[in-house]
Amino acid sequence: MPEPAVTVQAIVSLSDIQDIVDDLKVRPGALLPILHAVQNRYGYIPNAGVPVIAQALNLSRAEVHGVISFYHYFRSERGGEHTLYVCRAEACQSMGSRELEAYIKEKLGVDFHGTSADGKVTLEPVYCLGNCACSPNVRLGDSVHARMNKSKVDQLLSEVTS
């Protein structure tokens, strides 16, 4: 299991990024493992790290940026201490996830890809958490929470914002 991302106060160290790259660059298909490791370390992929990654893998910076922007999981900007993913797949929609996502957006005061004013929670959409029989679902960190409603969201958010 990957190590949790550090808080939003993390200082980007190009030597740390270089160490990550050096450890993983020999793996087949090394770009994705490197990007995951950097994001796990900082909570996002710092723009300053892209040239380090590109050079080590003999890729252009545009190719690395293309992969970062293609996959919804990767962030190129700092997020909150915690990320709340709201499932937007059809099964969850049929069980009320649209109303739930509107409630969460209002409660956090952000839209998708935004971070609450206190820096605690970043809100992200996701298109299936693989728990369709127990819709609607959200994921906070590595934990999927099923059959969500407003009171369950309130309880979940109180655990990470207090």
Protein backbone atom coordinates (compact mmCIF):
# COMPACT_ATOMS: atom_id res chain seq x y z
CA MET A 1 0.00 0.00 0.00
CA PRO A 2 1.39 3.44 -0.86
CA GLU A 3 2.41 5.78 1.90
CA PRO A 4 -0.12 8.56 2.56
CA ALA A 5 0.57 11.92 1.01
CA VAL A 6 2.12 14.51 3.25
CA THR A 7 0.21 17.60 4.28
CA VAL A 8 -0.14 20.65 2.09
CA GLN A 9 2.89 22.25 3.75
CA ALA A 10 5.29 19.82 2.02
CA ILE A 11 8.35 21.48 0.51
CA VAL A 12 9.22 20.20 -2.95
CA SER A 13 12.72 18.79 -3.11
CA LEU A 14 14.10 18.07 -6.55
CA SER A 15 16.64 15.75 -4.96
CA ASP A 16 13.76 13.74 -3.43
CA ILE A 17 12.13 13.53 -6.84
CA GLN A 18 15.45 12.50 -8.37
CA ASP A 19 15.80 9.75 -5.73
CA ILE A 20 12.30 8.47 -6.57
CA VAL A 21 13.13 8.49 -10.28
CA ASP A 22 16.48 6.75 -9.73
CA ASP A 23 14.79 4.01 -7.68
CA LEU A 24 12.05 3.32 -10.23
CA LYS A 25 13.39 4.23 -13.68
CA VAL A 26 14.63 0.71 -14.41
CA ARG A 27 11.16 -0.79 -14.10
CA PRO A 28 9.27 -1.55 -17.30
CA GLY A 29 6.73 1.21 -17.86
CA ALA A 30 8.43 3.30 -15.19
CA LEU A 31 6.54 6.54 -15.82
CA LEU A 32 3.34 5.59 -14.01
CA PRO A 33 5.09 4.13 -10.93
CA ILE A 34 7.25 7.25 -10.75
CA LEU A 35 4.25 9.58 -11.02
CA HIS A 36 2.40 7.62 -8.34
CA ALA A 37 5.41 7.73 -6.02
CA VAL A 38 5.89 11.48 -6.49
CA GLN A 39 2.19 12.14 -5.93
CA ASN A 40 2.19 9.91 -2.85
CA ARG A 41 5.12 11.93 -1.50
CA TYR A 42 3.76 15.44 -2.19
CA GLY A 43 0.04 14.99 -2.80
CA TYR A 44 0.52 16.20 -6.38
CA ILE A 45 3.07 16.17 -9.22
CA PRO A 46 5.08 19.40 -8.90
CA ASN A 47 5.75 21.11 -12.26
CA ALA A 48 9.39 21.49 -11.24
CA GLY A 49 9.70 17.70 -11.12
CA VAL A 50 8.50 17.10 -14.67
CA PRO A 51 11.85 17.89 -16.34
CA VAL A 52 13.65 15.58 -13.89
CA ILE A 53 11.27 12.73 -14.74
CA ALA A 54 11.34 13.44 -18.48
CA GLN A 55 15.13 13.53 -18.69
CA ALA A 56 15.59 10.30 -16.74
CA LEU A 57 13.13 8.42 -18.96
CA ASN A 58 14.25 10.05 -22.22
CA LEU A 59 10.80 11.57 -22.72
CA SER A 60 9.75 15.10 -23.55
CA ARG A 61 8.19 17.26 -20.85
CA ALA A 62 5.06 17.34 -23.02
CA GLU A 63 4.83 13.54 -22.92
CA VAL A 64 5.05 13.54 -19.12
CA HIS A 65 2.50 16.37 -18.86
CA GLY A 66 0.25 14.45 -21.25
CA VAL A 67 0.17 11.44 -18.95
CA ILE A 68 -0.39 13.61 -15.86
CA SER A 69 -3.31 15.41 -17.50
CA PHE A 70 -4.81 12.24 -19.01
CA TYR A 71 -5.26 10.34 -15.75
CA HIS A 72 -7.77 11.90 -13.38
CA TYR A 73 -5.91 10.57 -10.36
CA PHE A 74 -2.87 12.76 -10.92
CA ARG A 75 -2.85 16.36 -9.76
CA SER A 76 -0.52 19.09 -10.95
CA GLU A 77 -1.53 21.41 -8.11
CA ARG A 78 -1.51 20.97 -4.40
CA GLY A 79 -4.71 19.53 -2.96
CA GLY A 80 -6.10 19.32 0.52
CA GLU A 81 -4.89 17.08 3.30
CA HIS A 82 -7.64 14.61 2.34
CA THR A 83 -9.34 13.84 -0.96
CA LEU A 84 -13.03 12.99 -1.09
CA TYR A 85 -14.06 11.20 -4.27
CA VAL A 86 -17.77 11.13 -5.16
CA CYS A 87 -18.87 8.39 -7.53
CA ARG A 88 -20.68 9.71 -10.60
CA ALA A 89 -21.30 6.38 -12.34
CA GLU A 90 -24.80 5.35 -13.38
CA ALA A 91 -25.54 3.03 -10.45
CA CYS A 92 -24.68 5.73 -7.93
CA GLN A 93 -26.61 8.35 -9.91
CA SER A 94 -29.69 6.15 -9.86
CA MET A 95 -29.42 5.98 -6.06
CA GLY A 96 -29.08 9.73 -5.48
CA SER A 97 -25.42 10.61 -5.90
CA ARG A 98 -26.23 13.82 -7.85
CA GLU A 99 -28.14 15.21 -4.88
CA LEU A 100 -25.41 14.01 -2.55
CA GLU A 101 -22.67 15.65 -4.61
CA ALA A 102 -24.62 18.94 -4.61
CA TYR A 103 -24.84 18.71 -0.81
CA ILE A 104 -21.12 17.99 -0.48
CA LYS A 105 -20.20 20.87 -2.80
CA GLU A 106 -22.32 23.24 -0.74
CA LYS A 107 -20.99 21.92 2.56
CA LEU A 108 -17.34 22.26 1.46
CA GLY A 109 -17.94 25.47 -0.49
CA VAL A 110 -16.17 24.11 -3.58
CA ASP A 111 -16.83 22.50 -6.93
CA PHE A 112 -15.06 19.40 -8.20
CA HIS A 113 -11.25 19.78 -8.24
CA GLY A 114 -11.51 22.43 -5.53
CA THR A 115 -10.16 22.45 -2.00
CA SER A 116 -12.05 23.65 1.06
CA ALA A 117 -11.02 27.02 2.48
CA ASP A 118 -9.36 25.35 5.48
CA GLY A 119 -7.19 23.22 3.16
CA LYS A 120 -8.52 20.00 4.66
CA VAL A 121 -10.55 18.43 1.81
CA THR A 122 -10.23 18.36 -1.97
CA LEU A 123 -13.34 17.22 -3.83
CA GLU A 124 -12.92 15.00 -6.89
CA PRO A 125 -15.31 13.11 -9.16
CA VAL A 126 -14.72 9.44 -9.85
CA TYR A 127 -16.51 7.20 -12.32
CA CYS A 128 -16.99 3.97 -10.41
CA LEU A 129 -15.65 2.75 -7.12
CA GLY A 130 -16.58 -0.86 -7.85
CA ASN A 131 -19.22 -1.00 -5.14
CA CYS A 132 -22.33 -0.48 -7.27
CA ALA A 133 -24.62 -2.74 -5.22
CA CYS A 134 -24.22 -0.39 -2.25
CA SER A 135 -24.73 2.96 -3.99
CA PRO A 136 -24.19 5.85 -3.59
CA ASN A 137 -20.50 5.61 -2.73
CA VAL A 138 -17.70 7.97 -1.82
CA ARG A 139 -14.04 7.34 -1.14
CA LEU A 140 -12.03 9.21 1.45
CA GLY A 141 -8.35 8.36 1.26
CA ASP A 142 -8.21 4.63 0.65
CA SER A 143 -11.58 3.80 2.23
CA VAL A 144 -14.79 3.38 0.25
CA HIS A 145 -17.96 4.35 2.11
CA ALA A 146 -21.25 2.87 0.91
CA ARG A 147 -24.94 3.80 1.01
CA MET A 148 -24.03 7.40 1.70
CA ASN A 149 -26.50 10.06 2.70
CA LYS A 150 -26.22 13.60 4.09
CA SER A 151 -25.80 12.55 7.71
CA LYS A 152 -23.13 9.98 6.83
CA VAL A 153 -21.28 12.63 4.80
CA ASP A 154 -21.48 15.03 7.76
CA GLN A 155 -20.02 12.37 10.05
CA LEU A 156 -17.27 11.45 7.58
CA LEU A 157 -16.25 15.06 7.00
CA SER A 158 -16.28 15.84 10.72
CA GLU A 159 -13.64 13.14 11.20
CA VAL A 160 -11.18 14.91 8.88
CA THR A 161 -12.04 18.57 9.47
CA SER A 162 -12.03 18.65 13.25
